[in-house]
Amino acid sequence: MKKTDMLVNMLASDIKNKDILEVACGTADFSVSATRIANRVSCIDLDDSRLNNLVEHNRVTFQIMDAAKMAYADNTFDTIVIYNSLFHIRMQWDDIEKECKRVLKNKGTIYVVGTWKLDTNLMEELFGDNAFWRDGFLIARIVNI
């Protein structure tokens, strides 16, 4: 089983039949795995060079977009996932977190997930005890109130 499939299973209660956004998606492996149970999966990144053939995947919508200035309407997504990319967006984290909360529905959830040392070290620094380890994933859960 792929790591992203394991993660989807862990987060299933916040993904199943929901509208999902993956921020800073890179290769969009998480987005592709989420299509198994999500209602709709969107993903964004500043660059599409790592996407391979994702643009041909009929269950994932990809857009080149700055996560700090998203073109989505307020309250668009049920769940937002930032998977193995916090280190890359760290300089804009405050703006990205604010923007994620804007496009997230009330009581929706943002998951910041890391498996790479660069991400997990930063997550421990940013989220402290609000980040927890589960099956090789460090997970920080932010609920939009």
N, C-alpha and C. Protein backbone atom coordinates (compact mmCIF):
# COMPACT_ATOMS: atom_id res chain seq x y z
N MET A 1 0.84 -1.18 0.00
CA MET A 1 0.00 0.00 0.00
C MET A 1 0.89 1.25 0.00
N LYS A 2 0.56 2.19 -0.86
CA LYS A 2 1.30 3.45 -0.93
C LYS A 2 1.11 4.26 0.35
N LYS A 3 2.11 5.06 0.69
CA LYS A 3 2.01 5.92 1.89
C LYS A 3 0.80 6.84 1.82
N THR A 4 0.55 7.39 0.65
CA THR A 4 -0.58 8.31 0.55
C THR A 4 -1.91 7.60 0.71
N ASP A 5 -1.99 6.34 0.30
CA ASP A 5 -3.21 5.56 0.54
C ASP A 5 -3.41 5.34 2.03
N MET A 6 -2.32 5.08 2.76
CA MET A 6 -2.40 4.93 4.21
C MET A 6 -2.90 6.22 4.86
N LEU A 7 -2.37 7.35 4.39
CA LEU A 7 -2.77 8.63 4.94
C LEU A 7 -4.25 8.91 4.66
N VAL A 8 -4.70 8.62 3.47
CA VAL A 8 -6.12 8.80 3.14
C VAL A 8 -6.98 7.97 4.09
N ASN A 9 -6.57 6.74 4.35
CA ASN A 9 -7.33 5.89 5.29
C ASN A 9 -7.36 6.51 6.68
N MET A 10 -6.24 7.08 7.12
CA MET A 10 -6.19 7.72 8.45
C MET A 10 -7.10 8.93 8.54
N LEU A 11 -7.20 9.68 7.45
CA LEU A 11 -7.96 10.93 7.45
C LEU A 11 -9.36 10.74 6.86
N ALA A 12 -9.78 9.53 6.67
CA ALA A 12 -11.02 9.21 5.95
C ALA A 12 -12.23 9.97 6.47
N SER A 13 -12.34 10.16 7.76
CA SER A 13 -13.54 10.84 8.28
C SER A 13 -13.63 12.30 7.81
N ASP A 14 -12.50 12.89 7.46
CA ASP A 14 -12.50 14.27 6.96
C ASP A 14 -12.33 14.35 5.45
N ILE A 15 -12.29 13.20 4.78
CA ILE A 15 -12.11 13.17 3.34
C ILE A 15 -13.29 12.53 2.61
N LYS A 16 -13.85 11.49 3.19
CA LYS A 16 -14.88 10.72 2.51
C LYS A 16 -16.08 11.59 2.13
N ASN A 17 -16.39 11.58 0.85
CA ASN A 17 -17.52 12.34 0.28
C ASN A 17 -17.40 13.85 0.51
N LYS A 18 -16.18 14.34 0.62
CA LYS A 18 -15.95 15.77 0.88
C LYS A 18 -15.19 16.40 -0.28
N ASP A 19 -15.18 17.72 -0.28
CA ASP A 19 -14.41 18.49 -1.26
C ASP A 19 -13.05 18.81 -0.63
N ILE A 20 -11.99 18.35 -1.27
CA ILE A 20 -10.64 18.39 -0.72
C ILE A 20 -9.75 19.30 -1.57
N LEU A 21 -8.84 20.00 -0.90
CA LEU A 21 -7.80 20.77 -1.58
C LEU A 21 -6.45 20.32 -1.04
N GLU A 22 -5.53 20.00 -1.94
CA GLU A 22 -4.15 19.76 -1.55
C GLU A 22 -3.34 20.99 -1.97
N VAL A 23 -2.70 21.62 -1.00
CA VAL A 23 -1.90 22.82 -1.21
C VAL A 23 -0.44 22.43 -1.39
N ALA A 24 0.24 23.08 -2.34
CA ALA A 24 1.64 22.79 -2.63
C ALA A 24 1.81 21.31 -2.93
N CYS A 25 1.06 20.84 -3.91
CA CYS A 25 0.87 19.40 -4.15
C CYS A 25 2.08 18.68 -4.73
N GLY A 26 3.02 19.38 -5.35
CA GLY A 26 4.16 18.68 -5.93
C GLY A 26 3.72 17.66 -6.97
N THR A 27 3.93 16.38 -6.70
CA THR A 27 3.53 15.32 -7.63
C THR A 27 2.07 14.93 -7.48
N ALA A 28 1.38 15.48 -6.50
CA ALA A 28 -0.05 15.27 -6.25
C ALA A 28 -0.40 13.82 -5.92
N ASP A 29 0.55 13.10 -5.36
CA ASP A 29 0.28 11.71 -4.98
C ASP A 29 -0.87 11.62 -3.98
N PHE A 30 -0.90 12.54 -3.01
CA PHE A 30 -1.99 12.51 -2.04
C PHE A 30 -3.33 12.74 -2.74
N SER A 31 -3.39 13.70 -3.63
CA SER A 31 -4.63 14.01 -4.33
C SER A 31 -5.15 12.81 -5.11
N VAL A 32 -4.27 12.12 -5.80
CA VAL A 32 -4.68 10.96 -6.57
C VAL A 32 -5.21 9.88 -5.62
N SER A 33 -4.54 9.65 -4.50
CA SER A 33 -5.03 8.66 -3.53
C SER A 33 -6.38 9.06 -2.95
N ALA A 34 -6.58 10.34 -2.72
CA ALA A 34 -7.83 10.82 -2.12
C ALA A 34 -9.03 10.63 -3.03
N THR A 35 -8.80 10.52 -4.33
CA THR A 35 -9.93 10.37 -5.25
C THR A 35 -10.74 9.10 -4.98
N ARG A 36 -10.15 8.13 -4.31
CA ARG A 36 -10.87 6.89 -4.01
C ARG A 36 -12.12 7.14 -3.17
N ILE A 37 -12.06 8.15 -2.27
CA ILE A 37 -13.18 8.33 -1.35
C ILE A 37 -13.74 9.74 -1.32
N ALA A 38 -13.02 10.71 -1.84
CA ALA A 38 -13.47 12.10 -1.79
C ALA A 38 -14.55 12.38 -2.84
N ASN A 39 -15.31 13.40 -2.59
CA ASN A 39 -16.30 13.86 -3.56
C ASN A 39 -15.60 14.56 -4.73
N ARG A 40 -14.72 15.49 -4.39
CA ARG A 40 -14.00 16.28 -5.40
C ARG A 40 -12.62 16.58 -4.85
N VAL A 41 -11.59 16.49 -5.69
CA VAL A 41 -10.22 16.75 -5.26
C VAL A 41 -9.62 17.81 -6.16
N SER A 42 -9.15 18.88 -5.55
CA SER A 42 -8.44 19.94 -6.25
C SER A 42 -7.04 20.01 -5.66
N CYS A 43 -6.09 20.41 -6.48
CA CYS A 43 -4.74 20.61 -5.95
C CYS A 43 -4.09 21.78 -6.66
N ILE A 44 -3.22 22.44 -5.91
CA ILE A 44 -2.53 23.62 -6.45
C ILE A 44 -1.04 23.54 -6.14
N ASP A 45 -0.28 24.20 -6.99
CA ASP A 45 1.15 24.36 -6.79
C ASP A 45 1.58 25.53 -7.66
N LEU A 46 2.76 26.06 -7.38
CA LEU A 46 3.29 27.14 -8.21
C LEU A 46 3.88 26.64 -9.51
N ASP A 47 4.06 25.33 -9.61
CA ASP A 47 4.80 24.74 -10.71
C ASP A 47 4.15 23.39 -11.08
N ASP A 48 4.05 23.10 -12.34
CA ASP A 48 3.47 21.82 -12.75
C ASP A 48 4.51 20.83 -13.26
N SER A 49 5.79 21.14 -13.09
CA SER A 49 6.84 20.30 -13.67
C SER A 49 6.94 18.92 -13.04
N ARG A 50 6.45 18.73 -11.82
CA ARG A 50 6.56 17.43 -11.14
C ARG A 50 5.29 16.59 -11.28
N LEU A 51 4.32 17.08 -12.01
CA LEU A 51 3.02 16.42 -12.05
C LEU A 51 2.93 15.19 -12.94
N ASN A 52 3.88 14.97 -13.79
CA ASN A 52 3.82 13.86 -14.73
C ASN A 52 2.53 13.92 -15.53
N ASN A 53 1.68 12.92 -15.43
CA ASN A 53 0.45 12.88 -16.23
C ASN A 53 -0.79 13.26 -15.45
N LEU A 54 -0.64 13.94 -14.35
CA LEU A 54 -1.80 14.27 -13.53
C LEU A 54 -2.84 15.07 -14.30
N VAL A 55 -2.40 15.93 -15.18
CA VAL A 55 -3.35 16.75 -15.92
C VAL A 55 -4.35 15.89 -16.68
N GLU A 56 -4.01 14.61 -16.90
CA GLU A 56 -4.91 13.71 -17.60
C GLU A 56 -5.79 12.91 -16.63
N HIS A 57 -5.57 13.07 -15.34
CA HIS A 57 -6.36 12.33 -14.35
C HIS A 57 -7.73 12.98 -14.25
N ASN A 58 -8.77 12.23 -14.49
CA ASN A 58 -10.11 12.82 -14.60
C ASN A 58 -10.78 13.10 -13.27
N ARG A 59 -10.19 12.73 -12.14
CA ARG A 59 -10.83 12.96 -10.86
C ARG A 59 -10.08 14.00 -10.02
N VAL A 60 -9.03 14.60 -10.59
CA VAL A 60 -8.25 15.61 -9.88
C VAL A 60 -8.20 16.86 -10.75
N THR A 61 -8.49 17.99 -10.13
CA THR A 61 -8.37 19.27 -10.83
C THR A 61 -7.11 19.96 -10.32
N PHE A 62 -6.19 20.26 -11.22
CA PHE A 62 -4.95 20.93 -10.85
C PHE A 62 -4.94 22.34 -11.42
N GLN A 63 -4.44 23.28 -10.60
CA GLN A 63 -4.24 24.64 -11.08
C GLN A 63 -2.92 25.17 -10.56
N ILE A 64 -2.23 25.93 -11.42
CA ILE A 64 -1.06 26.66 -10.96
C ILE A 64 -1.59 27.87 -10.21
N MET A 65 -1.24 27.92 -8.92
CA MET A 65 -1.81 28.97 -8.08
C MET A 65 -0.92 29.19 -6.86
N ASP A 66 -0.80 30.43 -6.45
CA ASP A 66 -0.08 30.79 -5.23
C ASP A 66 -1.00 30.52 -4.04
N ALA A 67 -0.57 29.67 -3.13
CA ALA A 67 -1.40 29.31 -1.97
C ALA A 67 -1.64 30.49 -1.03
N ALA A 68 -0.85 31.53 -1.15
CA ALA A 68 -1.05 32.72 -0.32
C ALA A 68 -2.06 33.68 -0.93
N LYS A 69 -2.48 33.40 -2.17
CA LYS A 69 -3.44 34.26 -2.88
C LYS A 69 -4.32 33.39 -3.77
N MET A 70 -5.11 32.53 -3.15
CA MET A 70 -5.92 31.58 -3.92
C MET A 70 -7.09 32.27 -4.62
N ALA A 71 -7.44 31.75 -5.78
CA ALA A 71 -8.55 32.29 -6.57
C ALA A 71 -9.89 31.67 -6.18
N TYR A 72 -9.90 30.75 -5.23
CA TYR A 72 -11.14 30.11 -4.81
C TYR A 72 -12.00 31.04 -3.97
N ALA A 73 -13.30 30.82 -4.02
CA ALA A 73 -14.24 31.59 -3.21
C ALA A 73 -14.11 31.18 -1.74
N ASP A 74 -14.57 32.03 -0.87
CA ASP A 74 -14.62 31.71 0.56
C ASP A 74 -15.44 30.43 0.75
N ASN A 75 -15.09 29.66 1.77
CA ASN A 75 -15.88 28.49 2.19
C ASN A 75 -16.07 27.46 1.08
N THR A 76 -15.02 27.15 0.33
CA THR A 76 -15.12 26.23 -0.80
C THR A 76 -14.85 24.77 -0.42
N PHE A 77 -13.90 24.53 0.49
CA PHE A 77 -13.44 23.17 0.75
C PHE A 77 -13.78 22.70 2.17
N ASP A 78 -14.02 21.38 2.27
CA ASP A 78 -14.27 20.76 3.57
C ASP A 78 -12.96 20.48 4.30
N THR A 79 -11.95 20.08 3.55
CA THR A 79 -10.67 19.67 4.12
C THR A 79 -9.54 20.15 3.22
N ILE A 80 -8.47 20.61 3.85
CA ILE A 80 -7.26 21.02 3.13
C ILE A 80 -6.10 20.22 3.67
N VAL A 81 -5.28 19.70 2.77
CA VAL A 81 -4.12 18.90 3.17
C VAL A 81 -2.86 19.53 2.59
N ILE A 82 -1.87 19.67 3.46
CA ILE A 82 -0.54 20.13 3.06
C ILE A 82 0.38 18.97 3.41
N TYR A 83 0.81 18.22 2.39
CA TYR A 83 1.53 16.97 2.59
C TYR A 83 2.97 17.09 2.12
N ASN A 84 3.89 16.91 3.05
CA ASN A 84 5.33 16.94 2.75
C ASN A 84 5.75 18.18 1.96
N SER A 85 5.20 19.32 2.32
CA SER A 85 5.58 20.54 1.60
C SER A 85 5.74 21.75 2.50
N LEU A 86 5.58 21.60 3.80
CA LEU A 86 5.69 22.75 4.71
C LEU A 86 7.05 23.42 4.60
N PHE A 87 8.10 22.65 4.49
CA PHE A 87 9.43 23.24 4.38
C PHE A 87 9.53 24.17 3.17
N HIS A 88 8.87 23.80 2.08
CA HIS A 88 8.93 24.61 0.86
C HIS A 88 8.12 25.90 0.96
N ILE A 89 7.09 25.90 1.80
CA ILE A 89 6.22 27.08 1.90
C ILE A 89 6.40 27.84 3.21
N ARG A 90 7.42 27.46 3.98
CA ARG A 90 7.60 28.00 5.34
C ARG A 90 7.68 29.53 5.39
N MET A 91 8.27 30.15 4.39
CA MET A 91 8.43 31.61 4.41
C MET A 91 7.09 32.32 4.25
N GLN A 92 6.11 31.64 3.69
CA GLN A 92 4.78 32.21 3.49
C GLN A 92 3.74 31.58 4.42
N TRP A 93 4.16 30.80 5.40
CA TRP A 93 3.22 30.01 6.18
C TRP A 93 2.07 30.84 6.77
N ASP A 94 2.36 31.97 7.36
CA ASP A 94 1.30 32.77 7.98
C ASP A 94 0.24 33.19 6.95
N ASP A 95 0.69 33.65 5.79
CA ASP A 95 -0.25 34.05 4.73
C ASP A 95 -1.00 32.85 4.18
N ILE A 96 -0.32 31.73 4.02
CA ILE A 96 -0.97 30.53 3.49
C ILE A 96 -1.99 29.99 4.48
N GLU A 97 -1.64 29.96 5.76
CA GLU A 97 -2.60 29.48 6.76
C GLU A 97 -3.86 30.36 6.77
N LYS A 98 -3.68 31.66 6.70
CA LYS A 98 -4.82 32.59 6.67
C LYS A 98 -5.68 32.35 5.43
N GLU A 99 -5.04 32.16 4.30
CA GLU A 99 -5.76 31.94 3.05
C GLU A 99 -6.47 30.58 3.06
N CYS A 100 -5.83 29.57 3.62
CA CYS A 100 -6.48 28.26 3.74
C CYS A 100 -7.74 28.37 4.59
N LYS A 101 -7.67 29.10 5.67
CA LYS A 101 -8.84 29.27 6.54
C LYS A 101 -9.96 30.01 5.80
N ARG A 102 -9.60 30.91 4.91
CA ARG A 102 -10.60 31.65 4.14
C ARG A 102 -11.37 30.73 3.19
N VAL A 103 -10.65 29.84 2.50
CA VAL A 103 -11.31 28.97 1.51
C VAL A 103 -11.89 27.70 2.14
N LEU A 104 -11.62 27.50 3.42
CA LEU A 104 -12.11 26.34 4.14
C LEU A 104 -13.49 26.63 4.73
N LYS A 105 -14.37 25.65 4.65
CA LYS A 105 -15.70 25.80 5.23
C LYS A 105 -15.62 25.88 6.76
N ASN A 106 -16.62 26.49 7.36
CA ASN A 106 -16.70 26.55 8.81
C ASN A 106 -16.64 25.13 9.38
N LYS A 107 -15.85 24.95 10.38
CA LYS A 107 -15.60 23.66 11.04
C LYS A 107 -14.87 22.67 10.14
N GLY A 108 -14.31 23.17 9.04
CA GLY A 108 -13.47 22.33 8.19
C GLY A 108 -12.11 22.14 8.84
N THR A 109 -11.29 21.28 8.25
CA THR A 109 -10.01 20.93 8.86
C THR A 109 -8.87 21.11 7.87
N ILE A 110 -7.77 21.67 8.38
CA ILE A 110 -6.51 21.73 7.65
C ILE A 110 -5.59 20.69 8.30
N TYR A 111 -5.04 19.81 7.48
CA TYR A 111 -4.05 18.86 7.96
C TYR A 111 -2.70 19.21 7.36
N VAL A 112 -1.72 19.42 8.22
CA VAL A 112 -0.34 19.57 7.79
C VAL A 112 0.32 18.25 8.16
N VAL A 113 0.85 17.57 7.15
CA VAL A 113 1.37 16.22 7.36
C VAL A 113 2.80 16.15 6.83
N GLY A 114 3.66 15.55 7.62
CA GLY A 114 5.05 15.39 7.19
C GLY A 114 5.59 14.01 7.47
N THR A 115 6.45 13.58 6.58
CA THR A 115 7.21 12.34 6.79
C THR A 115 8.70 12.60 6.61
N TRP A 116 9.04 13.68 5.93
CA TRP A 116 10.44 14.03 5.70
C TRP A 116 10.97 14.84 6.86
N LYS A 117 12.22 14.64 7.21
CA LYS A 117 12.84 15.32 8.35
C LYS A 117 12.75 16.85 8.23
N LEU A 118 12.94 17.38 7.03
CA LEU A 118 12.84 18.84 6.86
C LEU A 118 11.47 19.35 7.29
N ASP A 119 10.42 18.61 6.93
CA ASP A 119 9.06 19.00 7.31
C ASP A 119 8.78 18.72 8.78
N THR A 120 9.15 17.53 9.25
CA THR A 120 8.79 17.16 10.61
C THR A 120 9.50 18.03 11.64
N ASN A 121 10.75 18.38 11.39
CA ASN A 121 11.45 19.29 12.31
C ASN A 121 10.75 20.64 12.39
N LEU A 122 10.37 21.17 11.25
CA LEU A 122 9.67 22.44 11.19
C LEU A 122 8.29 22.34 11.85
N MET A 123 7.61 21.25 11.61
CA MET A 123 6.28 21.05 12.20
C MET A 123 6.37 20.99 13.72
N GLU A 124 7.37 20.30 14.25
CA GLU A 124 7.54 20.23 15.70
C GLU A 124 7.80 21.62 16.28
N GLU A 125 8.55 22.41 15.54
CA GLU A 125 8.84 23.79 15.98
C GLU A 125 7.58 24.66 15.93
N LEU A 126 6.82 24.57 14.83
CA LEU A 126 5.62 25.40 14.66
C LEU A 126 4.43 24.97 15.51
N PHE A 127 4.20 23.66 15.58
CA PHE A 127 2.97 23.15 16.19
C PHE A 127 3.16 22.52 17.56
N GLY A 128 4.41 22.24 17.94
CA GLY A 128 4.69 21.67 19.25
C GLY A 128 3.83 20.46 19.56
N ASP A 129 3.18 20.49 20.73
CA ASP A 129 2.35 19.37 21.18
C ASP A 129 1.07 19.20 20.37
N ASN A 130 0.76 20.15 19.51
CA ASN A 130 -0.43 20.03 18.66
C ASN A 130 -0.17 19.15 17.43
N ALA A 131 1.05 18.69 17.28
CA ALA A 131 1.38 17.74 16.21
C ALA A 131 1.61 16.38 16.86
N PHE A 132 1.13 15.32 16.23
CA PHE A 132 1.27 13.99 16.81
C PHE A 132 1.73 12.99 15.75
N TRP A 133 2.46 12.00 16.18
CA TRP A 133 2.95 10.95 15.30
C TRP A 133 1.93 9.82 15.23
N ARG A 134 1.69 9.34 14.01
CA ARG A 134 0.82 8.18 13.82
C ARG A 134 1.29 7.41 12.59
N ASP A 135 1.71 6.20 12.80
CA ASP A 135 2.13 5.30 11.71
C ASP A 135 3.14 5.93 10.75
N GLY A 136 4.11 6.66 11.29
CA GLY A 136 5.16 7.24 10.47
C GLY A 136 4.85 8.60 9.88
N PHE A 137 3.69 9.17 10.23
CA PHE A 137 3.28 10.50 9.77
C PHE A 137 3.24 11.44 10.97
N LEU A 138 3.80 12.62 10.83
CA LEU A 138 3.59 13.66 11.84
C LEU A 138 2.44 14.52 11.32
N ILE A 139 1.40 14.65 12.13
CA ILE A 139 0.17 15.29 11.71
C ILE A 139 -0.18 16.44 12.64
N ALA A 140 -0.42 17.60 12.05
CA ALA A 140 -0.97 18.74 12.78
C ALA A 140 -2.36 19.00 12.22
N ARG A 141 -3.32 19.13 13.11
CA ARG A 141 -4.72 19.31 12.70
C ARG A 141 -5.18 20.69 13.15
N ILE A 142 -5.63 21.49 12.21
CA ILE A 142 -6.12 22.85 12.49
C ILE A 142 -7.59 22.89 12.08
N VAL A 143 -8.46 23.14 13.04
CA VAL A 143 -9.90 23.19 12.77
C VAL A 143 -10.28 24.65 12.59
N ASN A 144 -11.04 24.93 11.53
CA ASN A 144 -11.51 26.27 11.22
C ASN A 144 -12.78 26.56 12.01
N ILE A 145 -12.70 27.48 12.94
CA ILE A 145 -13.87 27.79 13.78
C ILE A 145 -14.55 29.05 13.30
